[in-house]
Structure formats: structure tokens, C-alpha cells
Amino acid sequence: MSQTVFEQQKDELSNAGRYMAVIHNNDHTPYDLVLLTVMAATECSVEEAEIETWEAHHYGKAPIHFDTQAECERVAQVVGAIGVQTTVCPEWND
């Protein structure tokens, strides 16, 4: 019997892993600036950016993007440029 190609592709994808970019609340960056920057960095809708900004404001942090590590680091750099602390970490701790 031949080896299944699907399993090989699945293994390659699992090695890449998914990451998330997280924003952290602070007391000095204007709320509307965070909202607009999240929209610009992630290309999300105003509704999604409002939810994520609200979550960070009320709970202290919020995930704003899920993708490859490189893409999440790009998003974090854009948002970090306005003075918002960001972290990039694996989506799941396996």
C-alpha cells in the first residue's frame, strides 16, 4: 500500500503552528486610536476591531489576529508603534 499524502500534508501544517497577536490595555493610548490601528493592522471590520478593543479595555488583553508567527509579529509591530504593548504567542500550548 502507498503512503497517504494527506497525512504528510497534515504533519507539515502542524509543524508550522498557528500564532496569535495579543494587545494589552494601557492608560495612555486613546481608545479610538487603538481601534483604528487594529483595523489597519489586521484588515478587519470596524465591528471586529470594536469587540477586540473593548475586550482589551475591560479584561486587560485581547487576541486580535491569528496567523503565522511572521504575520502576527507584523501585526504586533504595527499596533506597538502607537504605544500599545503586544505579545505574540502560539495559539495553543500543546
PDB file of N, CA and C in Angstrom:
ATOM      1  N   MET A   1       0.832  -1.180   0.000  1.00  0.00           N
ATOM      2  CA  MET A   1       0.000   0.000   0.000  1.00  0.00           C
ATOM      3  C   MET A   1       0.880   1.247   0.000  1.00  0.00           C
ATOM      4  N   SER A   2       0.362   2.294  -0.584  1.00  0.00           N
ATOM      5  CA  SER A   2       1.113   3.545  -0.639  1.00  0.00           C
ATOM      6  C   SER A   2       0.806   4.402   0.590  1.00  0.00           C
ATOM      7  N   GLN A   3       1.728   5.282   0.869  1.00  0.00           N
ATOM      8  CA  GLN A   3       1.549   6.195   1.995  1.00  0.00           C
ATOM      9  C   GLN A   3       0.551   7.292   1.619  1.00  0.00           C
ATOM     10  N   THR A   4      -0.280   7.682   2.563  1.00  0.00           N
ATOM     11  CA  THR A   4      -1.296   8.698   2.311  1.00  0.00           C
ATOM     12  C   THR A   4      -0.661  10.081   2.275  1.00  0.00           C
ATOM     13  N   VAL A   5      -0.898  10.813   1.204  1.00  0.00           N
ATOM     14  CA  VAL A   5      -0.346  12.154   1.039  1.00  0.00           C
ATOM     15  C   VAL A   5      -0.975  13.117   2.032  1.00  0.00           C
ATOM     16  N   PHE A   6      -2.255  12.924   2.336  1.00  0.00           N
ATOM     17  CA  PHE A   6      -2.958  13.812   3.266  1.00  0.00           C
ATOM     18  C   PHE A   6      -2.262  13.860   4.616  1.00  0.00           C
ATOM     19  N   GLU A   7      -1.842  12.734   5.124  1.00  0.00           N
ATOM     20  CA  GLU A   7      -1.171  12.688   6.416  1.00  0.00           C
ATOM     21  C   GLU A   7       0.133  13.469   6.378  1.00  0.00           C
ATOM     22  N   GLN A   8       0.855  13.371   5.289  1.00  0.00           N
ATOM     23  CA  GLN A   8       2.106  14.088   5.153  1.00  0.00           C
ATOM     24  C   GLN A   8       1.849  15.597   5.157  1.00  0.00           C
ATOM     25  N   GLN A   9       0.828  16.037   4.453  1.00  0.00           N
ATOM     26  CA  GLN A   9       0.499  17.454   4.433  1.00  0.00           C
ATOM     27  C   GLN A   9       0.050  17.920   5.812  1.00  0.00           C
ATOM     28  N   LYS A  10      -0.704  17.103   6.497  1.00  0.00           N
ATOM     29  CA  LYS A  10      -1.167  17.456   7.833  1.00  0.00           C
ATOM     30  C   LYS A  10       0.023  17.656   8.761  1.00  0.00           C
ATOM     31  N   ASP A  11       1.018  16.768   8.696  1.00  0.00           N
ATOM     32  CA  ASP A  11       2.206  16.904   9.523  1.00  0.00           C
ATOM     33  C   ASP A  11       2.953  18.200   9.214  1.00  0.00           C
ATOM     34  N   GLU A  12       3.057  18.543   7.934  1.00  0.00           N
ATOM     35  CA  GLU A  12       3.745  19.769   7.554  1.00  0.00           C
ATOM     36  C   GLU A  12       3.015  20.992   8.100  1.00  0.00           C
ATOM     37  N   LEU A  13       1.695  20.985   8.069  1.00  0.00           N
ATOM     38  CA  LEU A  13       0.924  22.110   8.586  1.00  0.00           C
ATOM     39  C   LEU A  13       1.043  22.215  10.100  1.00  0.00           C
ATOM     40  N   SER A  14       1.026  21.088  10.789  1.00  0.00           N
ATOM     41  CA  SER A  14       1.090  21.136  12.242  1.00  0.00           C
ATOM     42  C   SER A  14       2.446  21.639  12.717  1.00  0.00           C
ATOM     43  N   ASN A  15       3.492  21.422  11.935  1.00  0.00           N
ATOM     44  CA  ASN A  15       4.805  21.930  12.310  1.00  0.00           C
ATOM     45  C   ASN A  15       4.866  23.448  12.211  1.00  0.00           C
ATOM     46  N   ALA A  16       4.090  24.021  11.305  1.00  0.00           N
ATOM     47  CA  ALA A  16       4.099  25.468  11.135  1.00  0.00           C
ATOM     48  C   ALA A  16       3.467  26.142  12.351  1.00  0.00           C
ATOM     49  N   GLY A  17       2.391  25.600  12.880  1.00  0.00           N
ATOM     50  CA  GLY A  17       1.712  26.151  14.048  1.00  0.00           C
ATOM     51  C   GLY A  17       0.998  27.450  13.751  1.00  0.00           C
ATOM     52  N   ARG A  18      -0.013  27.716  14.543  1.00  0.00           N
ATOM     53  CA  ARG A  18      -0.724  28.992  14.425  1.00  0.00           C
ATOM     54  C   ARG A  18      -0.371  29.834  15.638  1.00  0.00           C
ATOM     55  N   TYR A  19      -0.232  31.100  15.395  1.00  0.00           N
ATOM     56  CA  TYR A  19       0.114  32.049  16.446  1.00  0.00           C
ATOM     57  C   TYR A  19      -0.992  33.074  16.596  1.00  0.00           C
ATOM     58  N   MET A  20      -0.913  33.841  17.680  1.00  0.00           N
ATOM     59  CA  MET A  20      -1.861  34.931  17.863  1.00  0.00           C
ATOM     60  C   MET A  20      -1.122  36.172  18.336  1.00  0.00           C
ATOM     61  N   ALA A  21      -1.611  37.308  17.867  1.00  0.00           N
ATOM     62  CA  ALA A  21      -1.126  38.603  18.332  1.00  0.00           C
ATOM     63  C   ALA A  21      -2.128  39.098  19.370  1.00  0.00           C
ATOM     64  N   VAL A  22      -1.614  39.537  20.506  1.00  0.00           N
ATOM     65  CA  VAL A  22      -2.449  39.966  21.628  1.00  0.00           C
ATOM     66  C   VAL A  22      -2.097  41.411  21.975  1.00  0.00           C
ATOM     67  N   ILE A  23      -3.125  42.232  22.199  1.00  0.00           N
ATOM     68  CA  ILE A  23      -2.896  43.598  22.677  1.00  0.00           C
ATOM     69  C   ILE A  23      -3.199  43.661  24.168  1.00  0.00           C
ATOM     70  N   HIS A  24      -2.502  44.580  24.856  1.00  0.00           N
ATOM     71  CA  HIS A  24      -2.679  44.762  26.294  1.00  0.00           C
ATOM     72  C   HIS A  24      -3.139  46.189  26.560  1.00  0.00           C
ATOM     73  N   ASN A  25      -4.067  46.337  27.471  1.00  0.00           N
ATOM     74  CA  ASN A  25      -4.620  47.650  27.797  1.00  0.00           C
ATOM     75  C   ASN A  25      -3.568  48.533  28.465  1.00  0.00           C
ATOM     76  N   ASN A  26      -3.680  49.835  28.239  1.00  0.00           N
ATOM     77  CA  ASN A  26      -2.880  50.807  28.978  1.00  0.00           C
ATOM     78  C   ASN A  26      -3.741  52.043  29.228  1.00  0.00           C
ATOM     79  N   ASP A  27      -3.212  52.959  30.019  1.00  0.00           N
ATOM     80  CA  ASP A  27      -3.992  54.144  30.395  1.00  0.00           C
ATOM     81  C   ASP A  27      -3.653  55.381  29.575  1.00  0.00           C
ATOM     82  N   HIS A  28      -2.806  55.253  28.554  1.00  0.00           N
ATOM     83  CA  HIS A  28      -2.395  56.454  27.844  1.00  0.00           C
ATOM     84  C   HIS A  28      -2.694  56.472  26.345  1.00  0.00           C
ATOM     85  N   THR A  29      -2.955  55.342  25.717  1.00  0.00           N
ATOM     86  CA  THR A  29      -3.251  55.339  24.282  1.00  0.00           C
ATOM     87  C   THR A  29      -4.755  55.519  24.083  1.00  0.00           C
ATOM     88  N   PRO A  30      -5.175  56.518  23.314  1.00  0.00           N
ATOM     89  CA  PRO A  30      -6.614  56.747  23.109  1.00  0.00           C
ATOM     90  C   PRO A  30      -7.320  55.521  22.513  1.00  0.00           C
ATOM     91  N   TYR A  31      -8.480  55.244  23.056  1.00  0.00           N
ATOM     92  CA  TYR A  31      -9.293  54.097  22.652  1.00  0.00           C
ATOM     93  C   TYR A  31      -9.518  54.080  21.142  1.00  0.00           C
ATOM     94  N   ASP A  32      -9.923  55.216  20.578  1.00  0.00           N
ATOM     95  CA  ASP A  32     -10.212  55.276  19.140  1.00  0.00           C
ATOM     96  C   ASP A  32      -8.972  55.031  18.293  1.00  0.00           C
ATOM     97  N   LEU A  33      -7.804  55.463  18.777  1.00  0.00           N
ATOM     98  CA  LEU A  33      -6.562  55.210  18.045  1.00  0.00           C
ATOM     99  C   LEU A  33      -6.255  53.716  18.020  1.00  0.00           C
ATOM    100  N   VAL A  34      -6.473  53.039  19.138  1.00  0.00           N
ATOM    101  CA  VAL A  34      -6.267  51.586  19.178  1.00  0.00           C
ATOM    102  C   VAL A  34      -7.206  50.910  18.185  1.00  0.00           C
ATOM    103  N   LEU A  35      -8.466  51.289  18.207  1.00  0.00           N
ATOM    104  CA  LEU A  35      -9.464  50.697  17.314  1.00  0.00           C
ATOM    105  C   LEU A  35      -9.055  50.866  15.848  1.00  0.00           C
ATOM    106  N   LEU A  36      -8.688  52.069  15.457  1.00  0.00           N
ATOM    107  CA  LEU A  36      -8.306  52.325  14.064  1.00  0.00           C
ATOM    108  C   LEU A  36      -7.027  51.588  13.678  1.00  0.00           C
ATOM    109  N   THR A  37      -6.094  51.486  14.612  1.00  0.00           N
ATOM    110  CA  THR A  37      -4.834  50.799  14.322  1.00  0.00           C
ATOM    111  C   THR A  37      -5.039  49.294  14.206  1.00  0.00           C
ATOM    112  N   VAL A  38      -5.889  48.732  15.037  1.00  0.00           N
ATOM    113  CA  VAL A  38      -6.217  47.302  14.919  1.00  0.00           C
ATOM    114  C   VAL A  38      -6.841  47.032  13.553  1.00  0.00           C
ATOM    115  N   MET A  39      -7.735  47.900  13.128  1.00  0.00           N
ATOM    116  CA  MET A  39      -8.353  47.740  11.803  1.00  0.00           C
ATOM    117  C   MET A  39      -7.300  47.794  10.696  1.00  0.00           C
ATOM    118  N   ALA A  40      -6.398  48.747  10.786  1.00  0.00           N
ATOM    119  CA  ALA A  40      -5.369  48.902   9.754  1.00  0.00           C
ATOM    120  C   ALA A  40      -4.396  47.724   9.749  1.00  0.00           C
ATOM    121  N   ALA A  41      -4.005  47.272  10.928  1.00  0.00           N
ATOM    122  CA  ALA A  41      -3.009  46.205  11.029  1.00  0.00           C
ATOM    123  C   ALA A  41      -3.551  44.848  10.605  1.00  0.00           C
ATOM    124  N   THR A  42      -4.826  44.595  10.911  1.00  0.00           N
ATOM    125  CA  THR A  42      -5.392  43.262  10.663  1.00  0.00           C
ATOM    126  C   THR A  42      -6.351  43.209   9.488  1.00  0.00           C
ATOM    127  N   GLU A  43      -6.693  44.376   8.951  1.00  0.00           N
ATOM    128  CA  GLU A  43      -7.667  44.474   7.856  1.00  0.00           C
ATOM    129  C   GLU A  43      -9.028  43.883   8.244  1.00  0.00           C
ATOM    130  N   CYS A  44      -9.392  44.063   9.512  1.00  0.00           N
ATOM    131  CA  CYS A  44     -10.682  43.560   9.989  1.00  0.00           C
ATOM    132  C   CYS A  44     -11.736  44.656   9.881  1.00  0.00           C
ATOM    133  N   SER A  45     -12.968  44.272  10.126  1.00  0.00           N
ATOM    134  CA  SER A  45     -14.085  45.217  10.086  1.00  0.00           C
ATOM    135  C   SER A  45     -14.079  46.087  11.337  1.00  0.00           C
ATOM    136  N   VAL A  46     -14.807  47.181  11.273  1.00  0.00           N
ATOM    137  CA  VAL A  46     -14.930  48.051  12.435  1.00  0.00           C
ATOM    138  C   VAL A  46     -15.599  47.300  13.586  1.00  0.00           C
ATOM    139  N   GLU A  47     -16.542  46.432  13.273  1.00  0.00           N
ATOM    140  CA  GLU A  47     -17.235  45.664  14.317  1.00  0.00           C
ATOM    141  C   GLU A  47     -16.267  44.749  15.059  1.00  0.00           C
ATOM    142  N   GLU A  48     -15.411  44.059  14.316  1.00  0.00           N
ATOM    143  CA  GLU A  48     -14.450  43.158  14.958  1.00  0.00           C
ATOM    144  C   GLU A  48     -13.444  43.954  15.786  1.00  0.00           C
ATOM    145  N   ALA A  49     -12.954  45.051  15.242  1.00  0.00           N
ATOM    146  CA  ALA A  49     -11.993  45.885  15.972  1.00  0.00           C
ATOM    147  C   ALA A  49     -12.616  46.453  17.243  1.00  0.00           C
ATOM    148  N   GLU A  50     -13.896  46.825  17.188  1.00  0.00           N
ATOM    149  CA  GLU A  50     -14.584  47.333  18.377  1.00  0.00           C
ATOM    150  C   GLU A  50     -14.650  46.268  19.467  1.00  0.00           C
ATOM    151  N   ILE A  51     -14.973  45.051  19.085  1.00  0.00           N
ATOM    152  CA  ILE A  51     -15.057  43.953  20.059  1.00  0.00           C
ATOM    153  C   ILE A  51     -13.697  43.708  20.700  1.00  0.00           C
ATOM    154  N   GLU A  52     -12.654  43.642  19.882  1.00  0.00           N
ATOM    155  CA  GLU A  52     -11.314  43.345  20.400  1.00  0.00           C
ATOM    156  C   GLU A  52     -10.779  44.484  21.268  1.00  0.00           C
ATOM    157  N   THR A  53     -11.024  45.718  20.861  1.00  0.00           N
ATOM    158  CA  THR A  53     -10.574  46.867  21.649  1.00  0.00           C
ATOM    159  C   THR A  53     -11.334  46.934  22.973  1.00  0.00           C
ATOM    160  N   TRP A  54     -12.634  46.693  22.933  1.00  0.00           N
ATOM    161  CA  TRP A  54     -13.444  46.665  24.151  1.00  0.00           C
ATOM    162  C   TRP A  54     -12.932  45.580  25.101  1.00  0.00           C
ATOM    163  N   GLU A  55     -12.655  44.405  24.549  1.00  0.00           N
ATOM    164  CA  GLU A  55     -12.174  43.290  25.369  1.00  0.00           C
ATOM    165  C   GLU A  55     -10.854  43.645  26.055  1.00  0.00           C
ATOM    166  N   ALA A  56      -9.928  44.242  25.323  1.00  0.00           N
ATOM    167  CA  ALA A  56      -8.649  44.640  25.924  1.00  0.00           C
ATOM    168  C   ALA A  56      -8.867  45.703  27.003  1.00  0.00           C
ATOM    169  N   HIS A  57      -9.749  46.637  26.742  1.00  0.00           N
ATOM    170  CA  HIS A  57     -10.028  47.719  27.689  1.00  0.00           C
ATOM    171  C   HIS A  57     -10.635  47.186  28.990  1.00  0.00           C
ATOM    172  N   HIS A  58     -11.532  46.226  28.880  1.00  0.00           N
ATOM    173  CA  HIS A  58     -12.239  45.719  30.060  1.00  0.00           C
ATOM    174  C   HIS A  58     -11.569  44.526  30.736  1.00  0.00           C
ATOM    175  N   TYR A  59     -10.864  43.700  29.990  1.00  0.00           N
ATOM    176  CA  TYR A  59     -10.249  42.499  30.559  1.00  0.00           C
ATOM    177  C   TYR A  59      -8.727  42.574  30.630  1.00  0.00           C
ATOM    178  N   GLY A  60      -8.146  43.650  30.102  1.00  0.00           N
ATOM    179  CA  GLY A  60      -6.702  43.821  30.201  1.00  0.00           C
ATOM    180  C   GLY A  60      -5.913  43.355  28.995  1.00  0.00           C
ATOM    181  N   LYS A  61      -6.491  42.460  28.210  1.00  0.00           N
ATOM    182  CA  LYS A  61      -5.819  41.993  26.995  1.00  0.00           C
ATOM    183  C   LYS A  61      -6.841  41.344  26.077  1.00  0.00           C
ATOM    184  N   ALA A  62      -6.456  41.236  24.793  1.00  0.00           N
ATOM    185  CA  ALA A  62      -7.358  40.615  23.821  1.00  0.00           C
ATOM    186  C   ALA A  62      -6.562  40.127  22.617  1.00  0.00           C
ATOM    187  N   PRO A  63      -6.865  38.918  22.146  1.00  0.00           N
ATOM    188  CA  PRO A  63      -6.251  38.471  20.891  1.00  0.00           C
ATOM    189  C   PRO A  63      -6.868  39.251  19.735  1.00  0.00           C
ATOM    190  N   ILE A  64      -6.020  39.706  18.805  1.00  0.00           N
ATOM    191  CA  ILE A  64      -6.538  40.492  17.680  1.00  0.00           C
ATOM    192  C   ILE A  64      -6.276  39.847  16.330  1.00  0.00           C
ATOM    193  N   HIS A  65      -5.395  38.834  16.283  1.00  0.00           N
ATOM    194  CA  HIS A  65      -5.072  38.233  14.987  1.00  0.00           C
ATOM    195  C   HIS A  65      -4.534  36.827  15.195  1.00  0.00           C
ATOM    196  N   PHE A  66      -4.927  35.915  14.315  1.00  0.00           N
ATOM    197  CA  PHE A  66      -4.459  34.532  14.331  1.00  0.00           C
ATOM    198  C   PHE A  66      -3.895  34.208  12.958  1.00  0.00           C
ATOM    199  N   ASP A  67      -2.621  33.793  12.911  1.00  0.00           N
ATOM    200  CA  ASP A  67      -1.979  33.528  11.620  1.00  0.00           C
ATOM    201  C   ASP A  67      -0.619  32.894  11.889  1.00  0.00           C
ATOM    202  N   THR A  68       0.278  33.015  10.928  1.00  0.00           N
ATOM    203  CA  THR A  68       1.642  32.530  11.118  1.00  0.00           C
ATOM    204  C   THR A  68       2.362  33.430  12.117  1.00  0.00           C
ATOM    205  N   GLN A  69       3.472  32.946  12.629  1.00  0.00           N
ATOM    206  CA  GLN A  69       4.242  33.751  13.569  1.00  0.00           C
ATOM    207  C   GLN A  69       4.709  35.054  12.920  1.00  0.00           C
ATOM    208  N   ALA A  70       5.188  34.980  11.687  1.00  0.00           N
ATOM    209  CA  ALA A  70       5.683  36.176  11.000  1.00  0.00           C
ATOM    210  C   ALA A  70       4.572  37.212  10.806  1.00  0.00           C
ATOM    211  N   GLU A  71       3.390  36.765  10.409  1.00  0.00           N
ATOM    212  CA  GLU A  71       2.279  37.699  10.197  1.00  0.00           C
ATOM    213  C   GLU A  71       1.820  38.310  11.519  1.00  0.00           C
ATOM    214  N   CYS A  72       1.769  37.514  12.574  1.00  0.00           N
ATOM    215  CA  CYS A  72       1.380  38.049  13.884  1.00  0.00           C
ATOM    216  C   CYS A  72       2.416  39.045  14.398  1.00  0.00           C
ATOM    217  N   GLU A  73       3.689  38.789  14.142  1.00  0.00           N
ATOM    218  CA  GLU A  73       4.728  39.737  14.544  1.00  0.00           C
ATOM    219  C   GLU A  73       4.603  41.043  13.763  1.00  0.00           C
ATOM    220  N   ARG A  74       4.213  40.969  12.487  1.00  0.00           N
ATOM    221  CA  ARG A  74       3.994  42.179  11.691  1.00  0.00           C
ATOM    222  C   ARG A  74       2.849  42.997  12.286  1.00  0.00           C
ATOM    223  N   VAL A  75       1.742  42.321  12.595  1.00  0.00           N
ATOM    224  CA  VAL A  75       0.584  42.990  13.198  1.00  0.00           C
ATOM    225  C   VAL A  75       0.978  43.616  14.537  1.00  0.00           C
ATOM    226  N   ALA A  76       1.704  42.877  15.354  1.00  0.00           N
ATOM    227  CA  ALA A  76       2.126  43.382  16.664  1.00  0.00           C
ATOM    228  C   ALA A  76       3.027  44.606  16.523  1.00  0.00           C
ATOM    229  N   GLN A  77       3.871  44.621  15.515  1.00  0.00           N
ATOM    230  CA  GLN A  77       4.755  45.763  15.297  1.00  0.00           C
ATOM    231  C   GLN A  77       3.950  47.012  14.931  1.00  0.00           C
ATOM    232  N   VAL A  78       2.945  46.855  14.084  1.00  0.00           N
ATOM    233  CA  VAL A  78       2.105  47.992  13.688  1.00  0.00           C
ATOM    234  C   VAL A  78       1.371  48.555  14.903  1.00  0.00           C
ATOM    235  N   VAL A  79       0.750  47.689  15.681  1.00  0.00           N
ATOM    236  CA  VAL A  79      -0.002  48.152  16.853  1.00  0.00           C
ATOM    237  C   VAL A  79       0.950  48.681  17.928  1.00  0.00           C
ATOM    238  N   GLY A  80       2.091  48.049  18.072  1.00  0.00           N
ATOM    239  CA  GLY A  80       3.071  48.507  19.050  1.00  0.00           C
ATOM    240  C   GLY A  80       3.614  49.895  18.758  1.00  0.00           C
ATOM    241  N   ALA A  81       3.570  50.297  17.504  1.00  0.00           N
ATOM    242  CA  ALA A  81       4.087  51.611  17.108  1.00  0.00           C
ATOM    243  C   ALA A  81       3.297  52.769  17.720  1.00  0.00           C
ATOM    244  N   ILE A  82       2.078  52.504  18.186  1.00  0.00           N
ATOM    245  CA  ILE A  82       1.279  53.569  18.819  1.00  0.00           C
ATOM    246  C   ILE A  82       1.377  53.512  20.345  1.00  0.00           C
ATOM    247  N   GLY A  83       2.262  52.668  20.863  1.00  0.00           N
ATOM    248  CA  GLY A  83       2.478  52.601  22.303  1.00  0.00           C
ATOM    249  C   GLY A  83       1.695  51.535  23.032  1.00  0.00           C
ATOM    250  N   VAL A  84       1.052  50.645  22.295  1.00  0.00           N
ATOM    251  CA  VAL A  84       0.289  49.556  22.914  1.00  0.00           C
ATOM    252  C   VAL A  84       1.199  48.340  23.050  1.00  0.00           C
ATOM    253  N   GLN A  85       1.272  47.781  24.256  1.00  0.00           N
ATOM    254  CA  GLN A  85       2.056  46.566  24.456  1.00  0.00           C
ATOM    255  C   GLN A  85       1.385  45.421  23.715  1.00  0.00           C
ATOM    256  N   THR A  86       2.178  44.624  23.021  1.00  0.00           N
ATOM    257  CA  THR A  86       1.664  43.469  22.294  1.00  0.00           C
ATOM    258  C   THR A  86       2.513  42.258  22.616  1.00  0.00           C
ATOM    259  N   THR A  87       1.917  41.092  22.482  1.00  0.00           N
ATOM    260  CA  THR A  87       2.667  39.845  22.577  1.00  0.00           C
ATOM    261  C   THR A  87       2.248  38.947  21.426  1.00  0.00           C
ATOM    262  N   VAL A  88       3.163  38.100  21.013  1.00  0.00           N
ATOM    263  CA  VAL A  88       2.888  37.084  20.000  1.00  0.00           C
ATOM    264  C   VAL A  88       3.225  35.748  20.633  1.00  0.00           C
ATOM    265  N   CYS A  89       2.277  34.827  20.589  1.00  0.00           N
ATOM    266  CA  CYS A  89       2.482  33.524  21.209  1.00  0.00           C
ATOM    267  C   CYS A  89       1.718  32.463  20.423  1.00  0.00           C
ATOM    268  N   PRO A  90       2.067  31.189  20.639  1.00  0.00           N
ATOM    269  CA  PRO A  90       1.302  30.134  19.966  1.00  0.00           C
ATOM    270  C   PRO A  90      -0.168  30.206  20.363  1.00  0.00           C
ATOM    271  N   GLU A  91      -1.035  29.880  19.408  1.00  0.00           N
ATOM    272  CA  GLU A  91      -2.472  29.902  19.690  1.00  0.00           C
ATOM    273  C   GLU A  91      -2.819  28.900  20.784  1.00  0.00           C
ATOM    274  N   TRP A  92      -2.208  27.744  20.731  1.00  0.00           N
ATOM    275  CA  TRP A  92      -2.453  26.691  21.717  1.00  0.00           C
ATOM    276  C   TRP A  92      -1.125  26.256  22.301  1.00  0.00           C
ATOM    277  N   ASN A  93      -1.096  26.000  23.584  1.00  0.00           N
ATOM    278  CA  ASN A  93       0.093  25.446  24.228  1.00  0.00           C
ATOM    279  C   ASN A  93      -0.045  23.937  24.257  1.00  0.00           C
ATOM    280  N   ASP A  94       0.506  23.304  23.228  1.00  0.00           N
ATOM    281  CA  ASP A  94       0.384  21.838  23.126  1.00  0.00           C
ATOM    282  C   ASP A  94       1.427  21.130  23.937  1.00  0.00           C
TER     283      ASP A  94
END
